[in-house]
Amino acid sequence: MNDDMEIAMREPGAHRWSYTLALAAVAMLVLTILALLGVEFLADNVLGADPEVAWQAQLERVEAALARNDLAGAEMLWSEAYVAAIKSRHWEGMVAAGDIYRRLGELGGFRKISDAKAREAYLAALFRARSRGSLEGVLRAAQGFAELGDQEVVDQCIRVARSVAARSWNPRAEELVRIFAERWHARAREADHLGLMP
């Protein structure tokens, strides 16, 4: 009898707990949807400029804030620049956004966070460049990953670059990939020799 009462007493708590978890999951979903809608709204209204070049103007504002040593302002402006780079649908803005955020993180003392966000930007740039057949874009994204020390990702970028070069009209395309790969592998060997590679 006592066992039945204990089970009956525990059941309402279990239902309340599962209800709370379900409510929390729905709340997180709603917040995520609102955040995505907010990003889309910002992306559609960045300075009312042409989305192809709006990121350039935004990143110039970030540079100006950095020149004034206004790190908080630069970080806020960078968010707008990042949205503009996403909106542009080109690789150039994503690489530039990644580069400047790494600088901002180094100056502001949040390098791990800035490196992670730069990785996202470089990855987006890589996909965009590959889809457009831009060898320059693939190699520039690879350079960003190289500066972060992401050996495996750089090697993957080189494979993508070789694929893009094989379809390129540029007679020097494969040579450009070879030069990049040789420099990267020499740098990686040196870093490994010095114990700098994980």
N, C-alpha and C. Protein backbone atom coordinates (compact mmCIF):
# COMPACT_ATOMS: atom_id res chain seq x y z
N MET A 1 0.83 -1.19 0.00
CA MET A 1 0.00 0.00 0.00
C MET A 1 0.87 1.25 0.00
N ASN A 2 1.91 1.23 0.84
CA ASN A 2 2.80 2.38 0.90
C ASN A 2 3.51 2.60 -0.42
N ASP A 3 3.90 1.48 -1.09
CA ASP A 3 4.57 1.60 -2.39
C ASP A 3 3.66 2.25 -3.42
N ASP A 4 2.37 1.87 -3.43
CA ASP A 4 1.42 2.47 -4.36
C ASP A 4 1.25 3.97 -4.11
N MET A 5 1.24 4.36 -2.85
CA MET A 5 1.10 5.78 -2.52
C MET A 5 2.32 6.57 -2.97
N GLU A 6 3.52 5.97 -2.77
CA GLU A 6 4.74 6.67 -3.18
C GLU A 6 4.76 6.87 -4.69
N ILE A 7 4.36 5.83 -5.45
CA ILE A 7 4.33 5.94 -6.92
C ILE A 7 3.33 7.02 -7.33
N ALA A 8 2.17 7.01 -6.69
CA ALA A 8 1.13 7.99 -7.02
C ALA A 8 1.61 9.41 -6.70
N MET A 9 2.38 9.55 -5.61
CA MET A 9 2.87 10.87 -5.22
C MET A 9 3.98 11.34 -6.19
N ARG A 10 4.78 10.40 -6.71
CA ARG A 10 5.87 10.78 -7.62
C ARG A 10 5.36 11.16 -9.00
N GLU A 11 4.29 10.57 -9.46
CA GLU A 11 3.79 10.79 -10.81
C GLU A 11 3.47 12.24 -11.12
N PRO A 12 2.78 12.99 -10.25
CA PRO A 12 2.51 14.39 -10.59
C PRO A 12 3.81 15.19 -10.76
N GLY A 13 4.83 14.91 -9.96
CA GLY A 13 6.12 15.59 -10.10
C GLY A 13 6.77 15.27 -11.43
N ALA A 14 6.67 14.02 -11.85
CA ALA A 14 7.26 13.61 -13.13
C ALA A 14 6.55 14.29 -14.28
N HIS A 15 5.21 14.38 -14.21
CA HIS A 15 4.47 15.06 -15.26
C HIS A 15 4.81 16.55 -15.30
N ARG A 16 4.94 17.13 -14.10
CA ARG A 16 5.28 18.55 -14.03
C ARG A 16 6.67 18.78 -14.63
N TRP A 17 7.61 17.89 -14.36
CA TRP A 17 8.98 18.01 -14.89
C TRP A 17 8.98 17.89 -16.42
N SER A 18 8.27 16.92 -16.97
CA SER A 18 8.24 16.76 -18.43
C SER A 18 7.53 17.94 -19.08
N TYR A 19 6.50 18.48 -18.43
CA TYR A 19 5.80 19.65 -18.94
C TYR A 19 6.74 20.85 -18.96
N THR A 20 7.54 21.01 -17.92
CA THR A 20 8.51 22.12 -17.84
C THR A 20 9.56 21.99 -18.94
N LEU A 21 10.04 20.79 -19.18
CA LEU A 21 11.03 20.58 -20.25
C LEU A 21 10.43 20.88 -21.62
N ALA A 22 9.20 20.43 -21.84
CA ALA A 22 8.55 20.69 -23.13
C ALA A 22 8.35 22.19 -23.32
N LEU A 23 7.95 22.88 -22.28
CA LEU A 23 7.75 24.33 -22.35
C LEU A 23 9.07 25.04 -22.63
N ALA A 24 10.15 24.59 -22.00
CA ALA A 24 11.47 25.20 -22.23
C ALA A 24 11.92 24.97 -23.66
N ALA A 25 11.68 23.78 -24.21
CA ALA A 25 12.05 23.49 -25.60
C ALA A 25 11.29 24.37 -26.57
N VAL A 26 9.99 24.56 -26.32
CA VAL A 26 9.18 25.42 -27.19
C VAL A 26 9.68 26.86 -27.09
N ALA A 27 10.00 27.31 -25.89
CA ALA A 27 10.50 28.67 -25.71
C ALA A 27 11.81 28.88 -26.46
N MET A 28 12.72 27.90 -26.41
CA MET A 28 13.99 28.00 -27.14
C MET A 28 13.75 28.05 -28.64
N LEU A 29 12.81 27.26 -29.12
CA LEU A 29 12.49 27.26 -30.55
C LEU A 29 11.96 28.62 -30.99
N VAL A 30 11.07 29.17 -30.18
CA VAL A 30 10.49 30.49 -30.51
C VAL A 30 11.59 31.55 -30.51
N LEU A 31 12.48 31.52 -29.51
CA LEU A 31 13.58 32.49 -29.45
C LEU A 31 14.51 32.35 -30.66
N THR A 32 14.78 31.13 -31.08
CA THR A 32 15.63 30.91 -32.24
C THR A 32 14.99 31.47 -33.50
N ILE A 33 13.70 31.23 -33.66
CA ILE A 33 12.98 31.75 -34.83
C ILE A 33 12.99 33.28 -34.81
N LEU A 34 12.75 33.88 -33.64
CA LEU A 34 12.78 35.34 -33.53
C LEU A 34 14.16 35.89 -33.85
N ALA A 35 15.21 35.21 -33.38
CA ALA A 35 16.57 35.66 -33.68
C ALA A 35 16.85 35.61 -35.18
N LEU A 36 16.44 34.53 -35.82
CA LEU A 36 16.64 34.42 -37.27
C LEU A 36 15.86 35.49 -38.02
N LEU A 37 14.63 35.75 -37.58
CA LEU A 37 13.85 36.82 -38.22
C LEU A 37 14.51 38.17 -38.02
N GLY A 38 15.10 38.37 -36.84
CA GLY A 38 15.80 39.62 -36.57
C GLY A 38 17.01 39.79 -37.47
N VAL A 39 17.78 38.72 -37.67
CA VAL A 39 18.94 38.77 -38.57
C VAL A 39 18.49 39.08 -39.99
N GLU A 40 17.41 38.44 -40.43
CA GLU A 40 16.90 38.71 -41.78
C GLU A 40 16.45 40.16 -41.91
N PHE A 41 15.79 40.68 -40.85
CA PHE A 41 15.36 42.07 -40.90
C PHE A 41 16.55 43.00 -41.00
N LEU A 42 17.58 42.74 -40.16
CA LEU A 42 18.78 43.57 -40.22
C LEU A 42 19.45 43.44 -41.58
N ALA A 43 19.51 42.24 -42.10
CA ALA A 43 20.16 42.02 -43.39
C ALA A 43 19.44 42.78 -44.49
N ASP A 44 18.14 42.89 -44.39
CA ASP A 44 17.38 43.60 -45.42
C ASP A 44 17.46 45.11 -45.28
N ASN A 45 17.91 45.60 -44.12
CA ASN A 45 17.88 47.04 -43.88
C ASN A 45 19.23 47.64 -43.55
N VAL A 46 20.32 46.98 -43.91
CA VAL A 46 21.65 47.50 -43.61
C VAL A 46 21.89 48.76 -44.44
N LEU A 47 21.82 49.90 -43.81
CA LEU A 47 22.11 51.21 -44.42
C LEU A 47 21.36 51.46 -45.72
N GLY A 48 20.40 50.63 -46.07
CA GLY A 48 19.68 50.79 -47.31
C GLY A 48 20.59 50.70 -48.53
N ALA A 49 21.77 50.11 -48.36
CA ALA A 49 22.75 50.06 -49.44
C ALA A 49 22.58 48.81 -50.27
N ASP A 50 23.23 48.81 -51.41
CA ASP A 50 23.25 47.63 -52.27
C ASP A 50 23.91 46.49 -51.49
N PRO A 51 23.24 45.35 -51.38
CA PRO A 51 23.80 44.26 -50.57
C PRO A 51 25.15 43.76 -51.07
N GLU A 52 25.46 44.00 -52.33
CA GLU A 52 26.74 43.53 -52.88
C GLU A 52 27.91 44.26 -52.24
N VAL A 53 27.71 45.53 -51.83
CA VAL A 53 28.83 46.32 -51.32
C VAL A 53 28.59 46.89 -49.92
N ALA A 54 27.42 46.66 -49.33
CA ALA A 54 27.10 47.23 -48.02
C ALA A 54 28.11 46.78 -46.97
N TRP A 55 28.60 45.55 -47.07
CA TRP A 55 29.54 45.04 -46.08
C TRP A 55 30.83 45.87 -46.06
N GLN A 56 31.23 46.40 -47.21
CA GLN A 56 32.46 47.19 -47.26
C GLN A 56 32.31 48.45 -46.42
N ALA A 57 31.20 49.16 -46.59
CA ALA A 57 30.97 50.37 -45.82
C ALA A 57 30.90 50.05 -44.33
N GLN A 58 30.26 48.94 -44.00
CA GLN A 58 30.15 48.56 -42.59
C GLN A 58 31.50 48.22 -41.99
N LEU A 59 32.33 47.49 -42.73
CA LEU A 59 33.65 47.14 -42.21
C LEU A 59 34.55 48.36 -42.10
N GLU A 60 34.35 49.35 -42.96
CA GLU A 60 35.10 50.61 -42.82
C GLU A 60 34.75 51.29 -41.50
N ARG A 61 33.49 51.20 -41.11
CA ARG A 61 33.06 51.77 -39.82
C ARG A 61 33.71 51.01 -38.66
N VAL A 62 33.85 49.69 -38.81
CA VAL A 62 34.53 48.90 -37.77
C VAL A 62 35.98 49.34 -37.68
N GLU A 63 36.64 49.49 -38.84
CA GLU A 63 38.04 49.92 -38.87
C GLU A 63 38.20 51.28 -38.18
N ALA A 64 37.27 52.21 -38.46
CA ALA A 64 37.33 53.54 -37.84
C ALA A 64 37.19 53.44 -36.33
N ALA A 65 36.30 52.56 -35.86
CA ALA A 65 36.13 52.38 -34.41
C ALA A 65 37.39 51.78 -33.79
N LEU A 66 38.01 50.84 -34.49
CA LEU A 66 39.27 50.27 -33.99
C LEU A 66 40.36 51.33 -33.94
N ALA A 67 40.41 52.20 -34.94
CA ALA A 67 41.40 53.27 -34.96
C ALA A 67 41.22 54.21 -33.76
N ARG A 68 39.97 54.39 -33.32
CA ARG A 68 39.67 55.22 -32.14
C ARG A 68 39.85 54.44 -30.83
N ASN A 69 40.20 53.16 -30.96
CA ASN A 69 40.33 52.25 -29.81
C ASN A 69 38.99 52.05 -29.10
N ASP A 70 37.90 52.14 -29.86
CA ASP A 70 36.54 51.92 -29.35
C ASP A 70 36.16 50.46 -29.63
N LEU A 71 36.63 49.57 -28.77
CA LEU A 71 36.44 48.14 -29.02
C LEU A 71 34.98 47.73 -28.89
N ALA A 72 34.27 48.30 -27.93
CA ALA A 72 32.85 47.96 -27.76
C ALA A 72 32.06 48.42 -28.98
N GLY A 73 32.33 49.64 -29.43
CA GLY A 73 31.66 50.14 -30.63
C GLY A 73 32.00 49.32 -31.86
N ALA A 74 33.28 48.93 -31.96
CA ALA A 74 33.72 48.13 -33.11
C ALA A 74 33.01 46.79 -33.13
N GLU A 75 32.83 46.19 -31.96
CA GLU A 75 32.16 44.89 -31.92
C GLU A 75 30.69 45.02 -32.34
N MET A 76 30.02 46.08 -31.89
CA MET A 76 28.63 46.29 -32.30
C MET A 76 28.53 46.53 -33.80
N LEU A 77 29.43 47.35 -34.32
CA LEU A 77 29.44 47.63 -35.75
C LEU A 77 29.79 46.38 -36.55
N TRP A 78 30.65 45.52 -35.99
CA TRP A 78 31.03 44.30 -36.69
C TRP A 78 29.80 43.41 -36.91
N SER A 79 28.92 43.36 -35.91
CA SER A 79 27.71 42.54 -36.06
C SER A 79 26.90 42.98 -37.28
N GLU A 80 26.79 44.29 -37.48
CA GLU A 80 26.07 44.81 -38.64
C GLU A 80 26.82 44.45 -39.93
N ALA A 81 28.15 44.55 -39.88
CA ALA A 81 28.97 44.22 -41.06
C ALA A 81 28.83 42.74 -41.41
N TYR A 82 28.77 41.90 -40.39
CA TYR A 82 28.65 40.46 -40.61
C TYR A 82 27.31 40.14 -41.28
N VAL A 83 26.25 40.78 -40.81
CA VAL A 83 24.94 40.59 -41.42
C VAL A 83 24.98 41.05 -42.89
N ALA A 84 25.63 42.18 -43.13
CA ALA A 84 25.74 42.69 -44.50
C ALA A 84 26.55 41.73 -45.37
N ALA A 85 27.59 41.12 -44.81
CA ALA A 85 28.40 40.16 -45.57
C ALA A 85 27.58 38.92 -45.90
N ILE A 86 26.77 38.47 -44.95
CA ILE A 86 25.88 37.33 -45.21
C ILE A 86 24.92 37.69 -46.34
N LYS A 87 24.36 38.87 -46.26
CA LYS A 87 23.39 39.32 -47.25
C LYS A 87 23.99 39.41 -48.66
N SER A 88 25.28 39.72 -48.75
CA SER A 88 25.93 39.91 -50.05
C SER A 88 25.99 38.63 -50.87
N ARG A 89 26.02 37.50 -50.22
CA ARG A 89 26.08 36.19 -50.86
C ARG A 89 27.38 35.97 -51.65
N HIS A 90 28.42 36.76 -51.34
CA HIS A 90 29.74 36.59 -51.95
C HIS A 90 30.75 36.19 -50.89
N TRP A 91 31.85 35.63 -51.34
CA TRP A 91 32.87 35.17 -50.40
C TRP A 91 33.70 36.31 -49.83
N GLU A 92 33.87 37.41 -50.57
CA GLU A 92 34.77 38.48 -50.16
C GLU A 92 34.39 39.07 -48.80
N GLY A 93 33.10 39.34 -48.62
CA GLY A 93 32.65 39.93 -47.37
C GLY A 93 32.83 39.01 -46.19
N MET A 94 32.63 37.71 -46.41
CA MET A 94 32.78 36.76 -45.31
C MET A 94 34.24 36.65 -44.87
N VAL A 95 35.16 36.64 -45.84
CA VAL A 95 36.58 36.58 -45.49
C VAL A 95 36.98 37.85 -44.73
N ALA A 96 36.56 39.01 -45.25
CA ALA A 96 36.90 40.28 -44.61
C ALA A 96 36.32 40.36 -43.20
N ALA A 97 35.09 39.88 -43.03
CA ALA A 97 34.46 39.89 -41.71
C ALA A 97 35.22 38.98 -40.74
N GLY A 98 35.63 37.82 -41.23
CA GLY A 98 36.41 36.91 -40.39
C GLY A 98 37.74 37.52 -39.99
N ASP A 99 38.42 38.13 -40.95
CA ASP A 99 39.73 38.74 -40.67
C ASP A 99 39.63 39.83 -39.61
N ILE A 100 38.67 40.71 -39.78
CA ILE A 100 38.58 41.85 -38.85
C ILE A 100 38.10 41.41 -37.47
N TYR A 101 37.28 40.36 -37.41
CA TYR A 101 36.83 39.91 -36.09
C TYR A 101 37.97 39.24 -35.34
N ARG A 102 38.86 38.58 -36.06
CA ARG A 102 40.04 38.02 -35.39
C ARG A 102 40.88 39.13 -34.78
N ARG A 103 41.05 40.22 -35.52
CA ARG A 103 41.80 41.37 -34.99
C ARG A 103 41.11 41.94 -33.76
N LEU A 104 39.80 42.08 -33.86
CA LEU A 104 39.02 42.62 -32.75
C LEU A 104 39.16 41.74 -31.51
N GLY A 105 39.09 40.43 -31.71
CA GLY A 105 39.22 39.51 -30.58
C GLY A 105 40.59 39.56 -29.95
N GLU A 106 41.61 39.73 -30.78
CA GLU A 106 42.97 39.83 -30.25
C GLU A 106 43.13 41.11 -29.42
N LEU A 107 42.61 42.22 -29.93
CA LEU A 107 42.71 43.49 -29.21
C LEU A 107 41.83 43.51 -27.96
N GLY A 108 40.67 42.86 -28.04
CA GLY A 108 39.71 42.89 -26.94
C GLY A 108 39.89 41.79 -25.92
N GLY A 109 40.78 40.86 -26.18
CA GLY A 109 41.04 39.79 -25.22
C GLY A 109 40.02 38.66 -25.24
N PHE A 110 39.33 38.49 -26.37
CA PHE A 110 38.40 37.36 -26.49
C PHE A 110 38.73 36.56 -27.75
N ARG A 111 39.98 36.15 -27.82
CA ARG A 111 40.50 35.52 -29.03
C ARG A 111 39.82 34.19 -29.35
N LYS A 112 39.54 33.37 -28.35
CA LYS A 112 38.90 32.08 -28.64
C LYS A 112 37.54 32.28 -29.29
N ILE A 113 36.77 33.23 -28.77
CA ILE A 113 35.44 33.50 -29.32
C ILE A 113 35.57 34.06 -30.73
N SER A 114 36.49 35.00 -30.91
CA SER A 114 36.64 35.61 -32.23
C SER A 114 37.16 34.61 -33.25
N ASP A 115 38.05 33.72 -32.83
CA ASP A 115 38.54 32.69 -33.75
C ASP A 115 37.41 31.76 -34.18
N ALA A 116 36.54 31.42 -33.24
CA ALA A 116 35.41 30.54 -33.58
C ALA A 116 34.47 31.22 -34.58
N LYS A 117 34.19 32.50 -34.37
CA LYS A 117 33.32 33.23 -35.30
C LYS A 117 34.01 33.40 -36.65
N ALA A 118 35.32 33.63 -36.64
CA ALA A 118 36.07 33.75 -37.90
C ALA A 118 36.01 32.44 -38.67
N ARG A 119 36.10 31.31 -37.96
CA ARG A 119 35.99 30.01 -38.63
C ARG A 119 34.66 29.89 -39.37
N GLU A 120 33.59 30.32 -38.72
CA GLU A 120 32.26 30.29 -39.37
C GLU A 120 32.27 31.13 -40.64
N ALA A 121 32.86 32.32 -40.55
CA ALA A 121 32.89 33.22 -41.70
C ALA A 121 33.73 32.62 -42.83
N TYR A 122 34.90 32.04 -42.49
CA TYR A 122 35.76 31.45 -43.51
C TYR A 122 35.09 30.24 -44.16
N LEU A 123 34.37 29.48 -43.35
CA LEU A 123 33.68 28.31 -43.90
C LEU A 123 32.59 28.75 -44.89
N ALA A 124 31.84 29.78 -44.51
CA ALA A 124 30.82 30.31 -45.43
C ALA A 124 31.49 30.82 -46.71
N ALA A 125 32.63 31.49 -46.56
CA ALA A 125 33.36 32.00 -47.73
C ALA A 125 33.81 30.85 -48.61
N LEU A 126 34.30 29.78 -48.00
CA LEU A 126 34.75 28.61 -48.77
C LEU A 126 33.61 28.02 -49.60
N PHE A 127 32.45 27.83 -48.98
CA PHE A 127 31.31 27.27 -49.71
C PHE A 127 30.86 28.19 -50.83
N ARG A 128 30.83 29.49 -50.55
CA ARG A 128 30.42 30.43 -51.58
C ARG A 128 31.42 30.45 -52.74
N ALA A 129 32.69 30.47 -52.41
CA ALA A 129 33.72 30.51 -53.46
C ALA A 129 33.69 29.23 -54.30
N ARG A 130 33.53 28.10 -53.63
CA ARG A 130 33.47 26.83 -54.37
C ARG A 130 32.27 26.81 -55.31
N SER A 131 31.11 27.27 -54.82
CA SER A 131 29.92 27.23 -55.66
C SER A 131 30.03 28.19 -56.85
N ARG A 132 30.81 29.25 -56.71
CA ARG A 132 30.99 30.20 -57.80
C ARG A 132 32.21 29.87 -58.66
N GLY A 133 32.95 28.84 -58.27
CA GLY A 133 34.14 28.47 -59.04
C GLY A 133 35.25 29.48 -58.91
N SER A 134 35.32 30.16 -57.75
CA SER A 134 36.34 31.18 -57.53
C SER A 134 37.54 30.58 -56.81
N LEU A 135 38.61 30.35 -57.56
CA LEU A 135 39.84 29.83 -56.96
C LEU A 135 40.40 30.82 -55.96
N GLU A 136 40.36 32.10 -56.30
CA GLU A 136 40.84 33.14 -55.39
C GLU A 136 40.11 33.05 -54.04
N GLY A 137 38.80 32.89 -54.09
CA GLY A 137 38.02 32.81 -52.86
C GLY A 137 38.34 31.57 -52.04
N VAL A 138 38.51 30.43 -52.71
CA VAL A 138 38.85 29.19 -51.99
C VAL A 138 40.21 29.34 -51.32
N LEU A 139 41.18 29.90 -52.04
CA LEU A 139 42.52 30.06 -51.47
C LEU A 139 42.53 31.11 -50.36
N ARG A 140 41.69 32.14 -50.50
CA ARG A 140 41.64 33.16 -49.44
C ARG A 140 41.01 32.60 -48.17
N ALA A 141 39.98 31.76 -48.33
CA ALA A 141 39.40 31.09 -47.15
C ALA A 141 40.43 30.15 -46.54
N ALA A 142 41.18 29.44 -47.39
CA ALA A 142 42.22 28.54 -46.90
C ALA A 142 43.26 29.32 -46.11
N GLN A 143 43.61 30.52 -46.59
CA GLN A 143 44.58 31.36 -45.88
C GLN A 143 44.06 31.73 -44.49
N GLY A 144 42.77 32.05 -44.40
CA GLY A 144 42.18 32.35 -43.10
C GLY A 144 42.29 31.17 -42.15
N PHE A 145 41.97 29.97 -42.64
CA PHE A 145 42.10 28.78 -41.80
C PHE A 145 43.56 28.51 -41.44
N ALA A 146 44.48 28.80 -42.37
CA ALA A 146 45.90 28.61 -42.10
C ALA A 146 46.35 29.52 -40.96
N GLU A 147 45.88 30.77 -40.99
CA GLU A 147 46.24 31.71 -39.92
C GLU A 147 45.67 31.29 -38.57
N LEU A 148 44.59 30.52 -38.59
CA LEU A 148 44.03 29.97 -37.36
C LEU A 148 44.73 28.68 -36.94
N GLY A 149 45.57 28.13 -37.83
CA GLY A 149 46.26 26.88 -37.52
C GLY A 149 45.41 25.64 -37.68
N ASP A 150 44.34 25.72 -38.47
CA ASP A 150 43.43 24.59 -38.68
C ASP A 150 43.95 23.69 -39.80
N GLN A 151 44.91 22.85 -39.48
CA GLN A 151 45.61 22.05 -40.47
C GLN A 151 44.69 21.19 -41.32
N GLU A 152 43.79 20.46 -40.69
CA GLU A 152 42.89 19.57 -41.44
C GLU A 152 41.98 20.34 -42.38
N VAL A 153 41.50 21.50 -41.93
CA VAL A 153 40.60 22.29 -42.77
C VAL A 153 41.37 22.88 -43.95
N VAL A 154 42.62 23.31 -43.71
CA VAL A 154 43.43 23.84 -44.81
C VAL A 154 43.66 22.75 -45.84
N ASP A 155 43.97 21.54 -45.40
CA ASP A 155 44.16 20.44 -46.34
C ASP A 155 42.90 20.18 -47.16
N GLN A 156 41.73 20.28 -46.51
CA GLN A 156 40.46 20.12 -47.23
C GLN A 156 40.27 21.25 -48.24
N CYS A 157 40.63 22.46 -47.83
CA CYS A 157 40.54 23.62 -48.75
C CYS A 157 41.42 23.41 -49.98
N ILE A 158 42.60 22.84 -49.77
CA ILE A 158 43.51 22.60 -50.89
C ILE A 158 42.88 21.60 -51.85
N ARG A 159 42.22 20.58 -51.32
CA ARG A 159 41.53 19.62 -52.19
C ARG A 159 40.42 20.31 -52.99
N VAL A 160 39.68 21.19 -52.32
CA VAL A 160 38.63 21.95 -53.01
C VAL A 160 39.26 22.84 -54.08
N ALA A 161 40.38 23.48 -53.74
CA ALA A 161 41.05 24.38 -54.69
C ALA A 161 41.51 23.60 -55.92
N ARG A 162 42.02 22.40 -55.72
CA ARG A 162 42.45 21.59 -56.88
C ARG A 162 41.26 21.27 -57.78
N SER A 163 40.13 20.98 -57.17
CA SER A 163 38.93 20.69 -57.94
C SER A 163 38.47 21.92 -58.73
N VAL A 164 38.49 23.08 -58.08
CA VAL A 164 38.08 24.32 -58.74
C VAL A 164 39.08 24.67 -59.85
N ALA A 165 40.38 24.48 -59.58
CA ALA A 165 41.41 24.79 -60.57
C ALA A 165 41.27 23.91 -61.81
N ALA A 166 40.88 22.67 -61.62
CA ALA A 166 40.73 21.75 -62.76
C ALA A 166 39.63 22.22 -63.71
N ARG A 167 38.66 22.98 -63.19
CA ARG A 167 37.56 23.47 -64.03
C ARG A 167 37.78 24.92 -64.48
N SER A 168 38.90 25.51 -64.07
CA SER A 168 39.14 26.92 -64.34
C SER A 168 39.67 27.16 -65.75
N TRP A 169 39.36 28.36 -66.26
CA TRP A 169 39.90 28.77 -67.56
C TRP A 169 41.28 29.37 -67.41
N ASN A 170 41.69 29.65 -66.18
CA ASN A 170 42.99 30.26 -65.92
C ASN A 170 44.09 29.22 -66.10
N PRO A 171 45.02 29.43 -67.04
CA PRO A 171 46.07 28.43 -67.26
C PRO A 171 47.03 28.29 -66.07
N ARG A 172 47.03 29.29 -65.18
CA ARG A 172 47.92 29.24 -64.01
C ARG A 172 47.21 28.72 -62.76
N ALA A 173 45.96 28.32 -62.88
CA ALA A 173 45.18 27.95 -61.71
C ALA A 173 45.83 26.82 -60.91
N GLU A 174 46.21 25.76 -61.60
CA GLU A 174 46.80 24.62 -60.88
C GLU A 174 48.14 24.99 -60.26
N GLU A 175 48.89 25.87 -60.93
CA GLU A 175 50.17 26.34 -60.38
C GLU A 175 49.93 27.15 -59.10
N LEU A 176 48.90 27.98 -59.10
CA LEU A 176 48.58 28.77 -57.90
C LEU A 176 48.24 27.87 -56.71
N VAL A 177 47.50 26.81 -56.98
CA VAL A 177 47.16 25.86 -55.91
C VAL A 177 48.43 25.16 -55.42
N ARG A 178 49.28 24.75 -56.36
CA ARG A 178 50.54 24.07 -55.99
C ARG A 178 51.40 24.97 -55.11
N ILE A 179 51.53 26.25 -55.49
CA ILE A 179 52.34 27.19 -54.71
C ILE A 179 51.77 27.35 -53.30
N PHE A 180 50.44 27.53 -53.22
CA PHE A 180 49.81 27.67 -51.91
C PHE A 180 50.05 26.42 -51.07
N ALA A 181 49.83 25.25 -51.67
CA ALA A 181 49.98 23.99 -50.94
C ALA A 181 51.41 23.80 -50.44
N GLU A 182 52.39 24.12 -51.28
CA GLU A 182 53.79 23.98 -50.87
C GLU A 182 54.12 24.90 -49.70
N ARG A 183 53.66 26.15 -49.80
CA ARG A 183 53.91 27.10 -48.70
C ARG A 183 53.24 26.63 -47.41
N TRP A 184 51.99 26.16 -47.54
CA TRP A 184 51.27 25.70 -46.35
C TRP A 184 51.96 24.50 -45.72
N HIS A 185 52.34 23.51 -46.53
CA HIS A 185 52.97 22.32 -45.97
C HIS A 185 54.32 22.63 -45.35
N ALA A 186 55.08 23.56 -45.94
CA ALA A 186 56.36 23.97 -45.35
C ALA A 186 56.11 24.65 -44.00
N ARG A 187 55.10 25.51 -43.96
CA ARG A 187 54.76 26.19 -42.70
C ARG A 187 54.29 25.19 -41.65
N ALA A 188 53.47 24.23 -42.06
CA ALA A 188 52.95 23.23 -41.11
C ALA A 188 54.07 22.37 -40.57
N ARG A 189 55.03 21.98 -41.44
CA ARG A 189 56.18 21.19 -40.97
C ARG A 189 57.02 21.97 -39.96
N GLU A 190 57.22 23.26 -40.26
CA GLU A 190 57.99 24.11 -39.34
C GLU A 190 57.27 24.24 -38.00
N ALA A 191 55.98 24.47 -38.05
CA ALA A 191 55.21 24.60 -36.80
C ALA A 191 55.23 23.30 -36.02
N ASP A 192 55.15 22.18 -36.73
CA ASP A 192 55.18 20.87 -36.07
C ASP A 192 56.55 20.63 -35.43
N HIS A 193 57.59 21.02 -36.15
CA HIS A 193 58.96 20.88 -35.64
C HIS A 193 59.16 21.70 -34.37
N LEU A 194 58.53 22.87 -34.32
CA LEU A 194 58.64 23.74 -33.15
C LEU A 194 57.66 23.35 -32.04
N GLY A 195 56.82 22.35 -32.31
CA GLY A 195 55.84 21.92 -31.31
C GLY A 195 54.64 22.84 -31.21
N LEU A 196 54.36 23.59 -32.26
CA LEU A 196 53.23 24.53 -32.24
C LEU A 196 51.95 23.92 -32.76
N MET A 197 52.04 22.78 -33.45
CA MET A 197 50.84 22.13 -33.98
C MET A 197 50.29 21.17 -32.94
N PRO A 198 48.95 21.09 -32.83
CA PRO A 198 48.35 20.18 -31.84
C PRO A 198 48.59 18.73 -32.21
